[in-house]
Amino acid sequence: MLTLQPETLSEIYNHATSEFPHECCGAILSDGTQEVVRRFRNIQNELHQKDPDTYPRDARTAYVIHSADLFAMNKETETTNRQIKVLYHSHPNHEAYFSEKDKADALIWDRPTYPGATYLVISVYDAEIRDVRAFAYDEEAGDFIDVPFAGT
């Protein structure tokens, strides 16, 4: 079961609603006691504007994390006692589900890019949180599965 602190939930919900109608993305790092939210920049609109053939979707239905934000997160996990607990993103005006694109982005060579991390998808309709679901990689299934989530 994924459990998050109320302050953490409040912060990521604020992130999702403040970015609406665009997708937000970020991470929750934890040392086992404290949770820290790291907001990422979604550069999907920039990529779509520069190359709409390669990036046909805009930030209303997709996200790409700025590479500097990923680098900073990875550096933080190497230099502190914090590990990646959750990677999250929102689905504006869509349900909370783990899409085939989400799965593909979470894997490298058919293995989890961030083993042990849970993925949280936040459904936002009209700038209001409607649903939140959590997904984790299951070795036996060889796929991401729904996991219980406390905090919604």
C-alpha atoms as a PDB file:
ATOM      1  CA  MET A   1       0.000   0.000   0.000  1.00  0.00           C
ATOM      2  CA  LEU A   2       1.170   3.500  -0.815  1.00  0.00           C
ATOM      3  CA  THR A   3       0.698   5.964   2.019  1.00  0.00           C
ATOM      4  CA  LEU A   4       1.552   9.642   1.723  1.00  0.00           C
ATOM      5  CA  GLN A   5       1.646  12.382   4.330  1.00  0.00           C
ATOM      6  CA  PRO A   6      -1.228  14.924   4.184  1.00  0.00           C
ATOM      7  CA  GLU A   7       1.183  17.801   3.447  1.00  0.00           C
ATOM      8  CA  THR A   8       2.648  15.858   0.537  1.00  0.00           C
ATOM      9  CA  LEU A   9      -0.784  15.149  -0.901  1.00  0.00           C
ATOM     10  CA  SER A  10      -1.768  18.775  -0.540  1.00  0.00           C
ATOM     11  CA  GLU A  11       1.367  19.883  -2.386  1.00  0.00           C
ATOM     12  CA  ILE A  12       0.974  17.510  -5.326  1.00  0.00           C
ATOM     13  CA  TYR A  13      -2.758  18.253  -5.598  1.00  0.00           C
ATOM     14  CA  ASN A  14      -1.916  21.956  -5.691  1.00  0.00           C
ATOM     15  CA  HIS A  15       0.641  21.249  -8.402  1.00  0.00           C
ATOM     16  CA  ALA A  16      -1.912  19.344 -10.490  1.00  0.00           C
ATOM     17  CA  THR A  17      -4.612  22.006 -10.180  1.00  0.00           C
ATOM     18  CA  SER A  18      -2.221  24.929 -10.745  1.00  0.00           C
ATOM     19  CA  GLU A  19      -0.952  23.402 -14.009  1.00  0.00           C
ATOM     20  CA  PHE A  20      -4.470  22.603 -15.277  1.00  0.00           C
ATOM     21  CA  PRO A  21      -5.346  22.278 -18.160  1.00  0.00           C
ATOM     22  CA  HIS A  22      -1.814  20.947 -18.734  1.00  0.00           C
ATOM     23  CA  GLU A  23      -0.293  17.822 -17.265  1.00  0.00           C
ATOM     24  CA  CYS A  24       1.975  18.289 -14.302  1.00  0.00           C
ATOM     25  CA  CYS A  25       4.817  15.944 -13.374  1.00  0.00           C
ATOM     26  CA  GLY A  26       7.032  15.496 -10.367  1.00  0.00           C
ATOM     27  CA  ALA A  27       8.517  13.184  -7.767  1.00  0.00           C
ATOM     28  CA  ILE A  28       8.243  12.516  -4.062  1.00  0.00           C
ATOM     29  CA  LEU A  29      11.539  11.691  -2.407  1.00  0.00           C
ATOM     30  CA  SER A  30      11.702  10.157   1.044  1.00  0.00           C
ATOM     31  CA  ASP A  31      14.265   9.209   3.662  1.00  0.00           C
ATOM     32  CA  GLY A  32      11.713   6.921   5.313  1.00  0.00           C
ATOM     33  CA  THR A  33      10.477   9.649   7.647  1.00  0.00           C
ATOM     34  CA  GLN A  34      10.182  12.867   5.669  1.00  0.00           C
ATOM     35  CA  GLU A  35       8.749  13.334   2.190  1.00  0.00           C
ATOM     36  CA  VAL A  36       9.927  16.043  -0.190  1.00  0.00           C
ATOM     37  CA  VAL A  37       8.055  16.999  -3.350  1.00  0.00           C
ATOM     38  CA  ARG A  38      10.101  17.891  -6.414  1.00  0.00           C
ATOM     39  CA  ARG A  39       8.085  19.602  -9.142  1.00  0.00           C
ATOM     40  CA  PHE A  40       9.325  18.977 -12.659  1.00  0.00           C
ATOM     41  CA  ARG A  41       8.930  21.204 -15.688  1.00  0.00           C
ATOM     42  CA  ASN A  42       6.761  19.697 -18.414  1.00  0.00           C
ATOM     43  CA  ILE A  43       8.398  20.675 -21.713  1.00  0.00           C
ATOM     44  CA  GLN A  44       5.823  18.917 -23.919  1.00  0.00           C
ATOM     45  CA  ASN A  45       4.442  22.197 -25.331  1.00  0.00           C
ATOM     46  CA  GLU A  46       7.925  23.383 -26.302  1.00  0.00           C
ATOM     47  CA  LEU A  47       8.664  20.084 -28.051  1.00  0.00           C
ATOM     48  CA  HIS A  48       5.281  20.072 -29.784  1.00  0.00           C
ATOM     49  CA  GLN A  49       5.787  23.620 -31.024  1.00  0.00           C
ATOM     50  CA  LYS A  50       9.287  22.880 -32.398  1.00  0.00           C
ATOM     51  CA  ASP A  51       8.457  19.501 -33.937  1.00  0.00           C
ATOM     52  CA  PRO A  52       4.753  18.628 -34.127  1.00  0.00           C
ATOM     53  CA  ASP A  53       5.422  15.578 -36.312  1.00  0.00           C
ATOM     54  CA  THR A  54       7.586  13.931 -33.648  1.00  0.00           C
ATOM     55  CA  TYR A  55       5.528  15.346 -30.756  1.00  0.00           C
ATOM     56  CA  PRO A  56       1.926  15.447 -32.020  1.00  0.00           C
ATOM     57  CA  ARG A  57       0.437  15.839 -28.524  1.00  0.00           C
ATOM     58  CA  ASP A  58       0.638  19.001 -26.438  1.00  0.00           C
ATOM     59  CA  ALA A  59       0.810  19.348 -22.639  1.00  0.00           C
ATOM     60  CA  ARG A  60      -2.952  18.850 -22.263  1.00  0.00           C
ATOM     61  CA  THR A  61      -2.467  15.128 -22.976  1.00  0.00           C
ATOM     62  CA  ALA A  62       1.239  14.429 -22.490  1.00  0.00           C
ATOM     63  CA  TYR A  63       4.352  15.345 -20.579  1.00  0.00           C
ATOM     64  CA  VAL A  64       8.101  15.242 -21.026  1.00  0.00           C
ATOM     65  CA  ILE A  65      10.208  15.994 -17.979  1.00  0.00           C
ATOM     66  CA  HIS A  66      12.945  18.594 -18.444  1.00  0.00           C
ATOM     67  CA  SER A  67      16.248  16.703 -18.430  1.00  0.00           C
ATOM     68  CA  ALA A  68      17.785  19.121 -15.902  1.00  0.00           C
ATOM     69  CA  ASP A  69      15.013  18.258 -13.440  1.00  0.00           C
ATOM     70  CA  LEU A  70      15.654  14.524 -13.820  1.00  0.00           C
ATOM     71  CA  PHE A  71      19.375  15.096 -13.429  1.00  0.00           C
ATOM     72  CA  ALA A  72      18.812  17.131 -10.239  1.00  0.00           C
ATOM     73  CA  MET A  73      16.532  14.434  -8.791  1.00  0.00           C
ATOM     74  CA  ASN A  74      19.022  11.666  -9.540  1.00  0.00           C
ATOM     75  CA  LYS A  75      21.851  13.743  -8.056  1.00  0.00           C
ATOM     76  CA  GLU A  76      19.783  14.377  -4.924  1.00  0.00           C
ATOM     77  CA  THR A  77      19.189  10.652  -4.429  1.00  0.00           C
ATOM     78  CA  GLU A  78      22.936  10.021  -4.781  1.00  0.00           C
ATOM     79  CA  THR A  79      23.991  12.733  -2.326  1.00  0.00           C
ATOM     80  CA  THR A  80      21.269  12.414   0.337  1.00  0.00           C
ATOM     81  CA  ASN A  81      19.500   9.631   2.155  1.00  0.00           C
ATOM     82  CA  ARG A  82      16.360  10.296   0.060  1.00  0.00           C
ATOM     83  CA  GLN A  83      15.053   7.739  -2.404  1.00  0.00           C
ATOM     84  CA  ILE A  84      12.399   8.042  -5.090  1.00  0.00           C
ATOM     85  CA  LYS A  85       9.155   7.023  -3.442  1.00  0.00           C
ATOM     86  CA  VAL A  86       6.737   8.248  -6.117  1.00  0.00           C
ATOM     87  CA  LEU A  87       6.792   9.652  -9.623  1.00  0.00           C
ATOM     88  CA  TYR A  88       3.539  11.459 -10.357  1.00  0.00           C
ATOM     89  CA  HIS A  89       1.707  13.182 -13.158  1.00  0.00           C
ATOM     90  CA  SER A  90      -1.781  14.451 -13.827  1.00  0.00           C
ATOM     91  CA  HIS A  91      -4.418  13.610 -16.409  1.00  0.00           C
ATOM     92  CA  PRO A  92      -6.361  16.818 -17.096  1.00  0.00           C
ATOM     93  CA  ASN A  93      -9.969  16.063 -18.039  1.00  0.00           C
ATOM     94  CA  HIS A  94      -9.205  12.334 -18.116  1.00  0.00           C
ATOM     95  CA  GLU A  95      -9.475   9.468 -15.674  1.00  0.00           C
ATOM     96  CA  ALA A  96      -6.587   8.292 -13.492  1.00  0.00           C
ATOM     97  CA  TYR A  97      -5.122   5.288 -15.305  1.00  0.00           C
ATOM     98  CA  PHE A  98      -1.659   4.091 -16.275  1.00  0.00           C
ATOM     99  CA  SER A  99      -1.623   4.372 -20.060  1.00  0.00           C
ATOM    100  CA  GLU A 100       0.495   2.372 -22.475  1.00  0.00           C
ATOM    101  CA  LYS A 101       2.590   5.539 -22.940  1.00  0.00           C
ATOM    102  CA  ASP A 102       2.995   5.844 -19.161  1.00  0.00           C
ATOM    103  CA  LYS A 103       4.169   2.226 -19.030  1.00  0.00           C
ATOM    104  CA  ALA A 104       6.583   2.701 -21.918  1.00  0.00           C
ATOM    105  CA  ASP A 105       8.043   5.822 -20.253  1.00  0.00           C
ATOM    106  CA  ALA A 106       8.471   3.940 -16.948  1.00  0.00           C
ATOM    107  CA  LEU A 107      10.484   1.124 -18.521  1.00  0.00           C
ATOM    108  CA  ILE A 108      13.933   0.796 -20.003  1.00  0.00           C
ATOM    109  CA  TRP A 109      14.766  -2.472 -21.760  1.00  0.00           C
ATOM    110  CA  ASP A 110      11.504  -3.910 -20.370  1.00  0.00           C
ATOM    111  CA  ARG A 111      12.611  -3.250 -16.777  1.00  0.00           C
ATOM    112  CA  PRO A 112      11.505  -0.433 -14.442  1.00  0.00           C
ATOM    113  CA  THR A 113      13.628   2.677 -14.907  1.00  0.00           C
ATOM    114  CA  TYR A 114      13.202   3.452 -11.210  1.00  0.00           C
ATOM    115  CA  PRO A 115      12.814   0.105  -9.395  1.00  0.00           C
ATOM    116  CA  GLY A 116      10.790   0.406  -6.228  1.00  0.00           C
ATOM    117  CA  ALA A 117       9.122   3.675  -7.218  1.00  0.00           C
ATOM    118  CA  THR A 118       5.346   3.874  -7.289  1.00  0.00           C
ATOM    119  CA  TYR A 119       3.626   5.883 -10.008  1.00  0.00           C
ATOM    120  CA  LEU A 120       0.742   8.133  -9.042  1.00  0.00           C
ATOM    121  CA  VAL A 121      -1.759   9.425 -11.609  1.00  0.00           C
ATOM    122  CA  ILE A 122      -3.991  12.334 -10.603  1.00  0.00           C
ATOM    123  CA  SER A 123      -7.261  12.890 -12.468  1.00  0.00           C
ATOM    124  CA  VAL A 124      -8.153  16.589 -12.663  1.00  0.00           C
ATOM    125  CA  TYR A 125     -11.430  17.845 -14.130  1.00  0.00           C
ATOM    126  CA  ASP A 126     -12.145  21.581 -14.290  1.00  0.00           C
ATOM    127  CA  ALA A 127      -9.151  22.229 -11.999  1.00  0.00           C
ATOM    128  CA  GLU A 128     -10.535  19.899  -9.287  1.00  0.00           C
ATOM    129  CA  ILE A 129      -9.049  16.583  -8.188  1.00  0.00           C
ATOM    130  CA  ARG A 130     -11.451  13.789  -9.123  1.00  0.00           C
ATOM    131  CA  ASP A 131      -9.410  10.640  -8.502  1.00  0.00           C
ATOM    132  CA  VAL A 132      -5.913   9.397  -7.704  1.00  0.00           C
ATOM    133  CA  ARG A 133      -4.557   5.943  -8.444  1.00  0.00           C
ATOM    134  CA  ALA A 134      -1.220   4.302  -7.706  1.00  0.00           C
ATOM    135  CA  PHE A 135       0.667   1.785  -9.836  1.00  0.00           C
ATOM    136  CA  ALA A 136       3.759  -0.297  -9.123  1.00  0.00           C
ATOM    137  CA  TYR A 137       5.759  -2.797 -11.139  1.00  0.00           C
ATOM    138  CA  ASP A 138       4.929  -6.399 -10.286  1.00  0.00           C
ATOM    139  CA  GLU A 139       7.704  -8.881 -11.108  1.00  0.00           C
ATOM    140  CA  GLU A 140       5.360 -11.859 -11.404  1.00  0.00           C
ATOM    141  CA  ALA A 141       2.968 -10.056 -13.724  1.00  0.00           C
ATOM    142  CA  GLY A 142       5.807  -8.372 -15.613  1.00  0.00           C
ATOM    143  CA  ASP A 143       3.640  -5.268 -15.684  1.00  0.00           C
ATOM    144  CA  PHE A 144       2.432  -2.316 -13.658  1.00  0.00           C
ATOM    145  CA  ILE A 145      -0.541  -3.081 -11.449  1.00  0.00           C
ATOM    146  CA  ASP A 146      -2.919  -1.056  -9.299  1.00  0.00           C
ATOM    147  CA  VAL A 147      -1.775  -0.796  -5.708  1.00  0.00           C
ATOM    148  CA  PRO A 148      -3.882   0.372  -2.764  1.00  0.00           C
ATOM    149  CA  PHE A 149      -3.461   4.052  -2.009  1.00  0.00           C
ATOM    150  CA  ALA A 150      -4.252   5.710   1.319  1.00  0.00           C
ATOM    151  CA  GLY A 151      -4.700   9.427   1.337  1.00  0.00           C
ATOM    152  CA  THR A 152      -7.397  10.299  -1.166  1.00  0.00           C
END
